[in-house]
């Protein structure tokens, strides 16, 4: 895979960008995000915790069986206003501070 480093792992910025891009298509469950991005469920869960903490995504529904997330305006702005957006899109990543 082009987005993998020498040790076979993708960088956090790549994973978080993939999750944000996926959420930009609408509200999603963790399973949907994992399935559509090819990222392990637990990894998606961990990165969503980070993204929610940074205000880039939010949990809109939670039950014992399902959690649903959506991108926030701040998250959408990060995807749209990144000055290096074109370079990052080519490599499937965006830098998120």
Protein backbone atom coordinates (compact mmCIF):
# COMPACT_ATOMS: atom_id res chain seq x y z
CA UNK A 1 0.00 0.00 0.00
CA UNK A 2 1.34 3.45 -0.92
CA UNK A 3 0.39 4.98 2.44
CA UNK A 4 2.40 2.52 4.48
CA UNK A 5 5.81 3.23 5.92
CA UNK A 6 8.63 0.73 5.90
CA UNK A 7 7.27 -1.08 8.96
CA UNK A 8 3.83 -1.55 7.39
CA UNK A 9 2.01 0.93 9.61
CA UNK A 10 0.22 4.06 8.45
CA UNK A 11 0.94 7.33 10.27
CA UNK A 12 -1.67 8.78 12.63
CA UNK A 13 -2.20 11.76 10.33
CA UNK A 14 -3.12 9.45 7.45
CA UNK A 15 -5.57 7.47 9.55
CA UNK A 16 -7.20 10.58 11.01
CA UNK A 17 -7.53 12.11 7.57
CA UNK A 18 -9.19 8.96 6.22
CA UNK A 19 -11.65 9.00 9.12
CA UNK A 20 -12.46 12.70 8.65
CA UNK A 21 -12.89 12.26 4.91
CA UNK A 22 -15.22 9.33 5.57
CA UNK A 23 -17.25 11.35 8.08
CA UNK A 24 -17.51 14.21 5.59
CA UNK A 25 -19.87 11.92 3.63
CA UNK A 26 -22.36 11.85 6.53
CA UNK A 27 -22.98 10.31 9.93
CA UNK A 28 -21.32 6.95 10.41
CA UNK A 29 -20.94 4.20 12.99
CA UNK A 30 -17.50 2.97 13.97
CA UNK A 31 -18.18 -0.24 12.03
CA UNK A 32 -19.07 1.72 8.89
CA UNK A 33 -15.93 3.85 9.15
CA UNK A 34 -13.77 0.78 9.75
CA UNK A 35 -15.30 -1.09 6.83
CA UNK A 36 -15.16 1.82 4.37
CA UNK A 37 -11.63 2.93 5.25
CA UNK A 38 -10.01 -0.45 5.84
CA UNK A 39 -8.91 0.61 9.32
CA UNK A 40 -9.23 -1.77 12.27
CA UNK A 41 -12.34 -1.10 14.45
CA UNK A 42 -10.33 -0.45 17.64
CA UNK A 43 -7.97 1.88 15.79
CA UNK A 44 -10.96 3.86 14.46
CA UNK A 45 -12.38 4.00 17.99
CA UNK A 46 -9.07 5.31 19.37
CA UNK A 47 -8.69 7.97 16.67
CA UNK A 48 -12.31 9.07 17.06
CA UNK A 49 -11.59 9.71 20.73
CA UNK A 50 -8.74 11.99 19.63
CA UNK A 51 -10.79 13.72 16.92
CA UNK A 52 -13.70 14.32 19.31
CA UNK A 53 -11.28 15.71 21.89
CA UNK A 54 -9.91 18.15 19.31
CA UNK A 55 -13.43 19.19 18.27
CA UNK A 56 -13.04 17.81 14.74
CA UNK A 57 -15.76 15.18 15.12
CA UNK A 58 -18.62 14.60 17.54
CA UNK A 59 -20.63 11.68 18.80
CA UNK A 60 -24.28 12.29 17.90
CA UNK A 61 -25.80 9.07 19.24
CA UNK A 62 -24.72 6.45 21.73
CA UNK A 63 -26.34 3.26 23.00
CA UNK A 64 -25.16 -0.08 24.30
CA UNK A 65 -25.10 -1.36 20.72
CA UNK A 66 -24.03 1.52 18.48
CA UNK A 67 -22.26 4.87 18.48
CA UNK A 68 -22.73 7.35 15.63
CA UNK A 69 -20.31 10.14 14.77
CA UNK A 70 -20.24 13.10 12.41
CA UNK A 71 -17.66 15.64 11.35
CA UNK A 72 -17.89 19.09 12.96
CA UNK A 73 -17.56 22.39 11.14
CA UNK A 74 -14.05 22.65 12.58
CA UNK A 75 -13.24 19.22 11.13
CA UNK A 76 -14.66 20.19 7.74
CA UNK A 77 -12.62 23.40 7.85
CA UNK A 78 -9.45 21.38 8.51
CA UNK A 79 -10.15 19.32 5.39
CA UNK A 80 -11.00 22.38 3.26
CA UNK A 81 -8.46 24.95 4.46
CA UNK A 82 -5.34 22.85 4.67
CA UNK A 83 -2.79 24.85 2.65
CA UNK A 84 -1.13 21.63 1.51
CA UNK A 85 -4.44 19.93 0.75
CA UNK A 86 -3.52 18.87 -2.77
CA UNK A 87 -0.27 17.21 -1.71
CA UNK A 88 -1.99 15.47 1.20
CA UNK A 89 -4.89 14.29 -0.93
CA UNK A 90 -2.44 12.60 -3.25
CA UNK A 91 -1.02 10.70 -0.29
CA UNK A 92 -4.33 10.29 1.59
CA UNK A 93 -3.38 12.37 4.60
CA UNK A 94 -3.87 15.71 6.32
CA UNK A 95 -1.89 17.14 9.21
CA UNK A 96 -4.02 17.57 12.29
CA UNK A 97 -2.41 19.37 15.21
